[in-house]
All heavy atoms as atom14 arrays in JSON, in Angstrom:
{
  "sequence": "EYTVIGDPVNEAARLCELAKQRPERLLAS",
  "atom14_mask": [
    [1, 1, 1, 1, 1, 1, 1, 1, 1, 0, 0, 0, 0, 0],
    [1, 1, 1, 1, 1, 1, 1, 1, 1, 1, 1, 1, 0, 0],
    [1, 1, 1, 1, 1, 1, 1, 0, 0, 0, 0, 0, 0, 0],
    [1, 1, 1, 1, 1, 1, 1, 0, 0, 0, 0, 0, 0, 0],
    [1, 1, 1, 1, 1, 1, 1, 1, 0, 0, 0, 0, 0, 0],
    [1, 1, 1, 1, 0, 0, 0, 0, 0, 0, 0, 0, 0, 0],
    [1, 1, 1, 1, 1, 1, 1, 1, 0, 0, 0, 0, 0, 0],
    [1, 1, 1, 1, 1, 1, 1, 0, 0, 0, 0, 0, 0, 0],
    [1, 1, 1, 1, 1, 1, 1, 0, 0, 0, 0, 0, 0, 0],
    [1, 1, 1, 1, 1, 1, 1, 1, 0, 0, 0, 0, 0, 0],
    [1, 1, 1, 1, 1, 1, 1, 1, 1, 0, 0, 0, 0, 0],
    [1, 1, 1, 1, 1, 0, 0, 0, 0, 0, 0, 0, 0, 0],
    [1, 1, 1, 1, 1, 0, 0, 0, 0, 0, 0, 0, 0, 0],
    [1, 1, 1, 1, 1, 1, 1, 1, 1, 1, 1, 0, 0, 0],
    [1, 1, 1, 1, 1, 1, 1, 1, 0, 0, 0, 0, 0, 0],
    [1, 1, 1, 1, 1, 1, 0, 0, 0, 0, 0, 0, 0, 0],
    [1, 1, 1, 1, 1, 1, 1, 1, 1, 0, 0, 0, 0, 0],
    [1, 1, 1, 1, 1, 1, 1, 1, 0, 0, 0, 0, 0, 0],
    [1, 1, 1, 1, 1, 0, 0, 0, 0, 0, 0, 0, 0, 0],
    [1, 1, 1, 1, 1, 1, 1, 1, 1, 0, 0, 0, 0, 0],
    [1, 1, 1, 1, 1, 1, 1, 1, 1, 0, 0, 0, 0, 0],
    [1, 1, 1, 1, 1, 1, 1, 1, 1, 1, 1, 0, 0, 0],
    [1, 1, 1, 1, 1, 1, 1, 0, 0, 0, 0, 0, 0, 0],
    [1, 1, 1, 1, 1, 1, 1, 1, 1, 0, 0, 0, 0, 0],
    [1, 1, 1, 1, 1, 1, 1, 1, 1, 1, 1, 0, 0, 0],
    [1, 1, 1, 1, 1, 1, 1, 1, 0, 0, 0, 0, 0, 0],
    [1, 1, 1, 1, 1, 1, 1, 1, 0, 0, 0, 0, 0, 0],
    [1, 1, 1, 1, 1, 0, 0, 0, 0, 0, 0, 0, 0, 0],
    [1, 1, 1, 1, 1, 1, 0, 0, 0, 0, 0, 0, 0, 0]
  ],
  "atom14_positions": [
    [[6.19, 4.17, -12.33], [4.92, 3.47, -12.4], [3.96, 4.25, -13.29], [4.07, 5.47, -13.41], [4.3, 3.28, -11.01], [3.83, 4.56, -10.36], [3.03, 4.31, -9.1], [2.7, 3.15, -8.84], [2.71, 5.28, -8.4], [0.0, 0.0, 0.0], [0.0, 0.0, 0.0], [0.0, 0.0, 0.0], [0.0, 0.0, 0.0], [0.0, 0.0, 0.0]],
    [[3.04, 3.53, -13.89], [2.01, 4.17, -14.68], [0.84, 4.51, -13.75], [0.35, 3.66, -13.01], [1.53, 3.24, -15.79], [0.55, 3.88, -16.75], [0.99, 4.5, -17.91], [-0.82, 3.87, -16.47], [0.09, 5.1, -18.79], [-1.72, 4.48, -17.34], [-1.26, 5.08, -18.49], [-2.16, 5.68, -19.35], [0.0, 0.0, 0.0], [0.0, 0.0, 0.0]],
    [[0.4, 5.75, -13.8], [-0.69, 6.17, -12.92], [-1.45, 7.32, -13.56], [-1.08, 7.8, -14.65], [-0.14, 6.59, -11.54], [-1.23, 6.78, -10.64], [0.66, 7.87, -11.64], [0.0, 0.0, 0.0], [0.0, 0.0, 0.0], [0.0, 0.0, 0.0], [0.0, 0.0, 0.0], [0.0, 0.0, 0.0], [0.0, 0.0, 0.0], [0.0, 0.0, 0.0]],
    [[-2.53, 7.74, -12.91], [-3.31, 8.89, -13.37], [-3.33, 9.92, -12.24], [-3.44, 9.58, -11.06], [-4.75, 8.48, -13.75], [-4.73, 7.61, -15.0], [-5.45, 7.74, -12.62], [0.0, 0.0, 0.0], [0.0, 0.0, 0.0], [0.0, 0.0, 0.0], [0.0, 0.0, 0.0], [0.0, 0.0, 0.0], [0.0, 0.0, 0.0], [0.0, 0.0, 0.0]],
    [[-3.19, 11.2, -12.62], [-3.15, 12.29, -11.66], [-4.14, 13.35, -12.11], [-4.17, 13.75, -13.28], [-1.73, 12.89, -11.58], [-0.72, 11.83, -11.15], [-1.7, 14.07, -10.62], [0.72, 12.29, -11.2], [0.0, 0.0, 0.0], [0.0, 0.0, 0.0], [0.0, 0.0, 0.0], [0.0, 0.0, 0.0], [0.0, 0.0, 0.0], [0.0, 0.0, 0.0]],
    [[-4.98, 13.79, -11.17], [-5.94, 14.84, -11.51], [-7.07, 14.91, -10.52], [-7.17, 14.12, -9.56], [0.0, 0.0, 0.0], [0.0, 0.0, 0.0], [0.0, 0.0, 0.0], [0.0, 0.0, 0.0], [0.0, 0.0, 0.0], [0.0, 0.0, 0.0], [0.0, 0.0, 0.0], [0.0, 0.0, 0.0], [0.0, 0.0, 0.0], [0.0, 0.0, 0.0]],
    [[-7.94, 15.87, -10.74], [-9.04, 16.11, -9.82], [-9.98, 14.9, -9.68], [-10.47, 14.64, -8.57], [-9.83, 17.35, -10.27], [-10.93, 17.7, -9.29], [-10.61, 18.08, -8.13], [-12.11, 17.56, -9.67], [0.0, 0.0, 0.0], [0.0, 0.0, 0.0], [0.0, 0.0, 0.0], [0.0, 0.0, 0.0], [0.0, 0.0, 0.0], [0.0, 0.0, 0.0]],
    [[-10.29, 14.15, -10.76], [-11.18, 12.99, -10.58], [-10.67, 11.98, -9.56], [-11.46, 11.35, -8.85], [-11.25, 12.38, -11.98], [-10.99, 13.51, -12.9], [-9.98, 14.36, -12.19], [0.0, 0.0, 0.0], [0.0, 0.0, 0.0], [0.0, 0.0, 0.0], [0.0, 0.0, 0.0], [0.0, 0.0, 0.0], [0.0, 0.0, 0.0], [0.0, 0.0, 0.0]],
    [[-9.35, 11.83, -9.47], [-8.77, 10.9, -8.49], [-9.05, 11.4, -7.08], [-9.5, 10.64, -6.2], [-7.27, 10.71, -8.73], [-6.67, 9.77, -7.69], [-6.99, 10.19, -10.14], [0.0, 0.0, 0.0], [0.0, 0.0, 0.0], [0.0, 0.0, 0.0], [0.0, 0.0, 0.0], [0.0, 0.0, 0.0], [0.0, 0.0, 0.0], [0.0, 0.0, 0.0]],
    [[-8.79, 12.68, -6.87], [-9.05, 13.25, -5.54], [-10.53, 13.19, -5.2], [-10.91, 12.89, -4.06], [-8.56, 14.7, -5.5], [-7.07, 14.81, -5.74], [-6.32, 13.91, -5.38], [-6.64, 15.89, -6.37], [0.0, 0.0, 0.0], [0.0, 0.0, 0.0], [0.0, 0.0, 0.0], [0.0, 0.0, 0.0], [0.0, 0.0, 0.0], [0.0, 0.0, 0.0]],
    [[-11.38, 13.49, -6.18], [-12.82, 13.49, -5.92], [-13.32, 12.09, -5.56], [-14.14, 11.92, -4.64], [-13.56, 14.02, -7.14], [-15.05, 14.24, -6.89], [-15.72, 14.94, -8.04], [-15.84, 14.31, -9.13], [-16.13, 16.1, -7.89], [0.0, 0.0, 0.0], [0.0, 0.0, 0.0], [0.0, 0.0, 0.0], [0.0, 0.0, 0.0], [0.0, 0.0, 0.0]],
    [[-12.83, 11.08, -6.28], [-13.26, 9.71, -5.98], [-12.82, 9.31, -4.58], [-13.57, 8.64, -3.84], [-12.68, 8.74, -7.01], [0.0, 0.0, 0.0], [0.0, 0.0, 0.0], [0.0, 0.0, 0.0], [0.0, 0.0, 0.0], [0.0, 0.0, 0.0], [0.0, 0.0, 0.0], [0.0, 0.0, 0.0], [0.0, 0.0, 0.0], [0.0, 0.0, 0.0]],
    [[-11.61, 9.72, -4.16], [-11.13, 9.4, -2.82], [-12.0, 10.09, -1.76], [-12.33, 9.49, -0.72], [-9.67, 9.82, -2.68], [0.0, 0.0, 0.0], [0.0, 0.0, 0.0], [0.0, 0.0, 0.0], [0.0, 0.0, 0.0], [0.0, 0.0, 0.0], [0.0, 0.0, 0.0], [0.0, 0.0, 0.0], [0.0, 0.0, 0.0], [0.0, 0.0, 0.0]],
    [[-12.37, 11.36, -1.99], [-13.21, 12.08, -1.03], [-14.6, 11.46, -0.96], [-15.19, 11.33, 0.13], [-13.32, 13.56, -1.44], [-12.01, 14.31, -1.5], [-11.37, 14.44, -0.12], [-10.15, 15.22, -0.2], [-8.95, 14.73, -0.36], [-8.79, 13.39, -0.47], [-7.88, 15.5, -0.4], [0.0, 0.0, 0.0], [0.0, 0.0, 0.0], [0.0, 0.0, 0.0]],
    [[-15.14, 11.06, -2.11], [-16.46, 10.42, -2.11], [-16.41, 9.07, -1.39], [-17.38, 8.68, -0.72], [-16.94, 10.21, -3.54], [-17.35, 11.48, -4.3], [-17.63, 11.16, -5.76], [-18.6, 12.11, -3.66], [0.0, 0.0, 0.0], [0.0, 0.0, 0.0], [0.0, 0.0, 0.0], [0.0, 0.0, 0.0], [0.0, 0.0, 0.0], [0.0, 0.0, 0.0]],
    [[-15.28, 8.36, -1.51], [-15.13, 7.08, -0.81], [-15.13, 7.31, 0.71], [-15.79, 6.57, 1.46], [-13.85, 6.38, -1.25], [-13.54, 4.81, -0.43], [0.0, 0.0, 0.0], [0.0, 0.0, 0.0], [0.0, 0.0, 0.0], [0.0, 0.0, 0.0], [0.0, 0.0, 0.0], [0.0, 0.0, 0.0], [0.0, 0.0, 0.0], [0.0, 0.0, 0.0]],
    [[-14.43, 8.36, 1.16], [-14.42, 8.69, 2.59], [-15.84, 9.0, 3.07], [-16.27, 8.56, 4.16], [-13.52, 9.89, 2.84], [-12.03, 9.62, 2.69], [-11.22, 10.87, 2.97], [-11.81, 11.88, 3.39], [-10.0, 10.82, 2.76], [0.0, 0.0, 0.0], [0.0, 0.0, 0.0], [0.0, 0.0, 0.0], [0.0, 0.0, 0.0], [0.0, 0.0, 0.0]],
    [[-16.57, 9.78, 2.27], [-17.95, 10.13, 2.64], [-18.86, 8.91, 2.64], [-19.71, 8.75, 3.53], [-18.47, 11.2, 1.68], [-19.88, 11.73, 1.93], [-19.98, 12.39, 3.31], [-20.29, 12.7, 0.84], [0.0, 0.0, 0.0], [0.0, 0.0, 0.0], [0.0, 0.0, 0.0], [0.0, 0.0, 0.0], [0.0, 0.0, 0.0], [0.0, 0.0, 0.0]],
    [[-18.67, 8.03, 1.64], [-19.51, 6.84, 1.53], [-19.35, 5.93, 2.73], [-20.3, 5.25, 3.16], [-19.18, 6.08, 0.25], [0.0, 0.0, 0.0], [0.0, 0.0, 0.0], [0.0, 0.0, 0.0], [0.0, 0.0, 0.0], [0.0, 0.0, 0.0], [0.0, 0.0, 0.0], [0.0, 0.0, 0.0], [0.0, 0.0, 0.0], [0.0, 0.0, 0.0]],
    [[-18.18, 5.9, 3.35], [-17.93, 5.06, 4.51], [-18.74, 5.53, 5.72], [-18.97, 4.76, 6.66], [-16.44, 5.05, 4.84], [-15.59, 4.33, 3.79], [-14.11, 4.65, 3.88], [-13.51, 4.14, 5.16], [-12.03, 4.34, 5.2], [0.0, 0.0, 0.0], [0.0, 0.0, 0.0], [0.0, 0.0, 0.0], [0.0, 0.0, 0.0], [0.0, 0.0, 0.0]],
    [[-19.21, 6.78, 5.66], [-19.99, 7.33, 6.77], [-21.47, 7.33, 6.5], [-22.26, 7.73, 7.36], [-19.52, 8.77, 7.05], [-18.04, 8.89, 7.34], [-17.55, 10.32, 7.31], [-18.36, 11.26, 7.33], [-16.23, 10.52, 7.27], [0.0, 0.0, 0.0], [0.0, 0.0, 0.0], [0.0, 0.0, 0.0], [0.0, 0.0, 0.0], [0.0, 0.0, 0.0]],
    [[-21.9, 6.91, 5.32], [-23.32, 6.97, 4.94], [-23.86, 5.56, 4.73], [-23.1, 4.62, 4.4], [-23.49, 7.8, 3.67], [-23.11, 9.26, 3.87], [-23.22, 10.04, 2.58], [-24.53, 9.93, 2.0], [-25.22, 10.94, 1.47], [-24.72, 12.18, 1.52], [-26.39, 10.77, 0.91], [0.0, 0.0, 0.0], [0.0, 0.0, 0.0], [0.0, 0.0, 0.0]],
    [[-25.14, 5.38, 4.87], [-25.72, 4.03, 4.74], [-25.66, 3.48, 3.31], [-25.67, 2.27, 3.11], [-27.17, 4.21, 5.21], [-27.45, 5.66, 5.02], [-26.17, 6.38, 5.28], [0.0, 0.0, 0.0], [0.0, 0.0, 0.0], [0.0, 0.0, 0.0], [0.0, 0.0, 0.0], [0.0, 0.0, 0.0], [0.0, 0.0, 0.0], [0.0, 0.0, 0.0]],
    [[-25.6, 4.36, 2.29], [-25.59, 3.86, 0.91], [-24.29, 3.14, 0.57], [-24.24, 2.26, -0.29], [-25.79, 5.01, -0.09], [-27.13, 5.7, 0.03], [-27.05, 6.91, 0.97], [-26.04, 7.02, 1.71], [-27.99, 7.72, 0.97], [0.0, 0.0, 0.0], [0.0, 0.0, 0.0], [0.0, 0.0, 0.0], [0.0, 0.0, 0.0], [0.0, 0.0, 0.0]],
    [[-23.16, 3.56, 1.18], [-21.84, 2.95, 0.98], [-21.3, 3.15, -0.44], [-20.2, 2.71, -0.74], [-21.84, 1.45, 1.28], [-22.32, 1.07, 2.65], [-21.46, 1.66, 3.74], [-21.74, 1.09, 5.05], [-21.56, 1.71, 6.19], [-21.13, 2.98, 6.2], [-21.83, 1.13, 7.34], [0.0, 0.0, 0.0], [0.0, 0.0, 0.0], [0.0, 0.0, 0.0]],
    [[-22.03, 3.77, -1.32], [-21.6, 3.95, -2.71], [-22.08, 5.31, -3.21], [-23.29, 5.58, -3.26], [-22.16, 2.83, -3.61], [-22.01, 3.0, -5.12], [-20.55, 3.19, -5.5], [-22.61, 1.8, -5.85], [0.0, 0.0, 0.0], [0.0, 0.0, 0.0], [0.0, 0.0, 0.0], [0.0, 0.0, 0.0], [0.0, 0.0, 0.0], [0.0, 0.0, 0.0]],
    [[-21.14, 6.17, -3.59], [-21.46, 7.52, -4.05], [-20.72, 7.8, -5.35], [-19.56, 7.4, -5.53], [-21.05, 8.57, -3.01], [-21.7, 8.45, -1.61], [-21.13, 9.51, -0.69], [-23.22, 8.59, -1.71], [0.0, 0.0, 0.0], [0.0, 0.0, 0.0], [0.0, 0.0, 0.0], [0.0, 0.0, 0.0], [0.0, 0.0, 0.0], [0.0, 0.0, 0.0]],
    [[-21.4, 8.51, -6.26], [-20.8, 8.92, -7.53], [-21.04, 10.4, -7.74], [-22.08, 10.95, -7.32], [-21.38, 8.12, -8.69], [0.0, 0.0, 0.0], [0.0, 0.0, 0.0], [0.0, 0.0, 0.0], [0.0, 0.0, 0.0], [0.0, 0.0, 0.0], [0.0, 0.0, 0.0], [0.0, 0.0, 0.0], [0.0, 0.0, 0.0], [0.0, 0.0, 0.0]],
    [[-20.11, 11.09, -8.39], [-20.27, 12.52, -8.64], [-21.12, 12.76, -9.88], [-21.25, 11.88, -10.75], [-18.9, 13.17, -8.83], [-18.31, 12.73, -10.03], [0.0, 0.0, 0.0], [0.0, 0.0, 0.0], [0.0, 0.0, 0.0], [0.0, 0.0, 0.0], [0.0, 0.0, 0.0], [0.0, 0.0, 0.0], [0.0, 0.0, 0.0], [0.0, 0.0, 0.0]]
  ]
}
């Protein structure tokens, strides 16, 4: 499969987890 691997992928996933716990629901680095 074609995919992307790297720190931005991990960071976006961690920000998504955090956003689910915050009222803004949307976070960007």
